[in-house]
Amino acid sequence: MWPLKTKHEISLEIAQRCRSLRLEQNLSQEELASRAGIATRTYRRFEQEGSISLDRFVAIIHSLNRIAELESILKPSPVEDLDQIENPKPARLRSRSK
């Protein structure tokens, strides 16, 4: 259960899931890194440490043909009642820093 894990533990689990998908598709680290357009060393470090930039992570997910799953993680909240449709709150464009 992810709510009970640290950020680092979640990152490592995501990296291990990517590793499992890579192996299911019979790809080497070098092949996947090449498809994603990243250095093999960068991908290897991701699998070992769970650390990678968001751009590179998206490239990896795309190369593993799982981009549709990534699309679903931050969906807008569902509408709960008719009032939300008739009187939507204006979207915040920026916040004030302190």
C-alpha atoms as a PDB file:
ATOM      1  CA  MET A   1       0.000   0.000   0.000  1.00  0.00           C
ATOM      2  CA  TRP A   2       1.579   3.223  -1.190  1.00  0.00           C
ATOM      3  CA  PRO A   3       0.042   5.553   1.395  1.00  0.00           C
ATOM      4  CA  LEU A   4       2.202   3.825   4.021  1.00  0.00           C
ATOM      5  CA  LYS A   5       5.443   4.034   2.023  1.00  0.00           C
ATOM      6  CA  THR A   6       8.053   6.751   1.822  1.00  0.00           C
ATOM      7  CA  LYS A   7       8.611   8.678  -1.413  1.00  0.00           C
ATOM      8  CA  HIS A   8      11.836   6.750  -1.938  1.00  0.00           C
ATOM      9  CA  GLU A   9      10.119   3.380  -1.471  1.00  0.00           C
ATOM     10  CA  ILE A  10       7.447   4.368  -4.001  1.00  0.00           C
ATOM     11  CA  SER A  11      10.115   5.491  -6.480  1.00  0.00           C
ATOM     12  CA  LEU A  12      11.928   2.178  -6.105  1.00  0.00           C
ATOM     13  CA  GLU A  13       8.707   0.235  -6.633  1.00  0.00           C
ATOM     14  CA  ILE A  14       7.924   2.223  -9.795  1.00  0.00           C
ATOM     15  CA  ALA A  15      11.438   1.515 -11.054  1.00  0.00           C
ATOM     16  CA  GLN A  16      10.990  -2.206 -10.337  1.00  0.00           C
ATOM     17  CA  ARG A  17       7.666  -2.229 -12.170  1.00  0.00           C
ATOM     18  CA  CYS A  18       9.373  -0.641 -15.173  1.00  0.00           C
ATOM     19  CA  ARG A  19      12.105  -3.278 -14.949  1.00  0.00           C
ATOM     20  CA  SER A  20       9.478  -6.049 -14.910  1.00  0.00           C
ATOM     21  CA  LEU A  21       7.728  -4.543 -17.945  1.00  0.00           C
ATOM     22  CA  ARG A  22      11.061  -4.240 -19.747  1.00  0.00           C
ATOM     23  CA  LEU A  23      11.844  -7.888 -19.075  1.00  0.00           C
ATOM     24  CA  GLU A  24       8.334  -8.999 -20.138  1.00  0.00           C
ATOM     25  CA  GLN A  25       8.976  -7.274 -23.454  1.00  0.00           C
ATOM     26  CA  ASN A  26      12.371  -8.991 -23.668  1.00  0.00           C
ATOM     27  CA  LEU A  27      14.276  -5.703 -23.839  1.00  0.00           C
ATOM     28  CA  SER A  28      17.739  -5.071 -22.480  1.00  0.00           C
ATOM     29  CA  GLN A  29      18.462  -1.917 -20.507  1.00  0.00           C
ATOM     30  CA  GLU A  30      20.411  -0.662 -23.523  1.00  0.00           C
ATOM     31  CA  GLU A  31      17.508  -1.270 -25.923  1.00  0.00           C
ATOM     32  CA  LEU A  32      14.957   0.450 -23.719  1.00  0.00           C
ATOM     33  CA  ALA A  33      17.263   3.403 -23.064  1.00  0.00           C
ATOM     34  CA  SER A  34      17.830   3.759 -26.806  1.00  0.00           C
ATOM     35  CA  ARG A  35      14.092   3.661 -27.537  1.00  0.00           C
ATOM     36  CA  ALA A  36      13.489   6.276 -24.830  1.00  0.00           C
ATOM     37  CA  GLY A  37      16.312   8.472 -26.108  1.00  0.00           C
ATOM     38  CA  ILE A  38      18.205   8.466 -22.821  1.00  0.00           C
ATOM     39  CA  ALA A  39      21.640   7.271 -21.779  1.00  0.00           C
ATOM     40  CA  THR A  40      21.907   3.624 -20.721  1.00  0.00           C
ATOM     41  CA  ARG A  41      23.642   4.743 -17.540  1.00  0.00           C
ATOM     42  CA  THR A  42      20.668   6.986 -16.710  1.00  0.00           C
ATOM     43  CA  TYR A  43      18.223   4.122 -17.191  1.00  0.00           C
ATOM     44  CA  ARG A  44      20.385   1.731 -15.191  1.00  0.00           C
ATOM     45  CA  ARG A  45      20.516   4.235 -12.313  1.00  0.00           C
ATOM     46  CA  PHE A  46      16.715   4.575 -12.488  1.00  0.00           C
ATOM     47  CA  GLU A  47      16.230   0.827 -12.046  1.00  0.00           C
ATOM     48  CA  GLN A  48      18.732   0.721  -9.187  1.00  0.00           C
ATOM     49  CA  GLU A  49      17.883   3.921  -7.304  1.00  0.00           C
ATOM     50  CA  GLY A  50      14.429   4.949  -8.533  1.00  0.00           C
ATOM     51  CA  SER A  51      15.644   8.428  -9.420  1.00  0.00           C
ATOM     52  CA  ILE A  52      14.972  10.052 -12.808  1.00  0.00           C
ATOM     53  CA  SER A  53      13.606  13.295 -14.241  1.00  0.00           C
ATOM     54  CA  LEU A  54       9.945  13.497 -15.174  1.00  0.00           C
ATOM     55  CA  ASP A  55      10.749  13.993 -18.884  1.00  0.00           C
ATOM     56  CA  ARG A  56      12.875  10.861 -18.937  1.00  0.00           C
ATOM     57  CA  PHE A  57      10.296   8.891 -16.959  1.00  0.00           C
ATOM     58  CA  VAL A  58       7.615   9.809 -19.496  1.00  0.00           C
ATOM     59  CA  ALA A  59       9.961   8.719 -22.299  1.00  0.00           C
ATOM     60  CA  ILE A  60      10.480   5.357 -20.570  1.00  0.00           C
ATOM     61  CA  ILE A  61       6.753   4.828 -20.056  1.00  0.00           C
ATOM     62  CA  HIS A  62       6.106   5.730 -23.687  1.00  0.00           C
ATOM     63  CA  SER A  63       8.789   3.269 -24.813  1.00  0.00           C
ATOM     64  CA  LEU A  64       7.132   0.552 -22.715  1.00  0.00           C
ATOM     65  CA  ASN A  65       3.791   1.282 -24.447  1.00  0.00           C
ATOM     66  CA  ARG A  66       2.140   2.270 -21.137  1.00  0.00           C
ATOM     67  CA  ILE A  67       1.450   5.945 -21.802  1.00  0.00           C
ATOM     68  CA  ALA A  68      -2.332   5.422 -21.555  1.00  0.00           C
ATOM     69  CA  GLU A  69      -1.895   4.227 -17.972  1.00  0.00           C
ATOM     70  CA  LEU A  70       0.175   7.296 -17.148  1.00  0.00           C
ATOM     71  CA  GLU A  71      -2.587   9.493 -18.534  1.00  0.00           C
ATOM     72  CA  SER A  72      -5.044   8.173 -15.975  1.00  0.00           C
ATOM     73  CA  ILE A  73      -3.122   8.999 -12.784  1.00  0.00           C
ATOM     74  CA  LEU A  74      -4.035  12.674 -12.363  1.00  0.00           C
ATOM     75  CA  LYS A  75      -7.536  12.894 -13.764  1.00  0.00           C
ATOM     76  CA  PRO A  76      -9.744  15.793 -12.667  1.00  0.00           C
ATOM     77  CA  SER A  77     -12.026  15.008  -9.743  1.00  0.00           C
ATOM     78  CA  PRO A  78     -15.432  13.695 -10.787  1.00  0.00           C
ATOM     79  CA  VAL A  79     -18.422  16.008 -10.593  1.00  0.00           C
ATOM     80  CA  GLU A  80     -20.301  15.343  -7.371  1.00  0.00           C
ATOM     81  CA  ASP A  81     -23.480  17.329  -7.937  1.00  0.00           C
ATOM     82  CA  LEU A  82     -25.353  19.393 -10.517  1.00  0.00           C
ATOM     83  CA  ASP A  83     -24.334  22.663  -8.844  1.00  0.00           C
ATOM     84  CA  GLN A  84     -20.694  22.037  -9.815  1.00  0.00           C
ATOM     85  CA  ILE A  85     -21.737  21.852 -13.465  1.00  0.00           C
ATOM     86  CA  GLU A  86     -24.037  24.880 -13.381  1.00  0.00           C
ATOM     87  CA  ASN A  87     -21.737  27.089 -11.281  1.00  0.00           C
ATOM     88  CA  PRO A  88     -18.155  25.951 -11.787  1.00  0.00           C
ATOM     89  CA  LYS A  89     -15.459  27.568  -9.678  1.00  0.00           C
ATOM     90  CA  PRO A  90     -12.982  29.569 -11.741  1.00  0.00           C
ATOM     91  CA  ALA A  91      -9.666  27.788 -12.110  1.00  0.00           C
ATOM     92  CA  ARG A  92      -6.758  29.289 -10.177  1.00  0.00           C
ATOM     93  CA  LEU A  93      -4.033  30.403 -12.515  1.00  0.00           C
ATOM     94  CA  ARG A  94      -1.391  31.061  -9.876  1.00  0.00           C
ATOM     95  CA  SER A  95      -0.919  31.220  -6.155  1.00  0.00           C
ATOM     96  CA  ARG A  96       0.580  33.835  -3.912  1.00  0.00           C
ATOM     97  CA  SER A  97       4.015  33.071  -2.487  1.00  0.00           C
ATOM     98  CA  LYS A  98       4.908  33.888   1.063  1.00  0.00           C
END
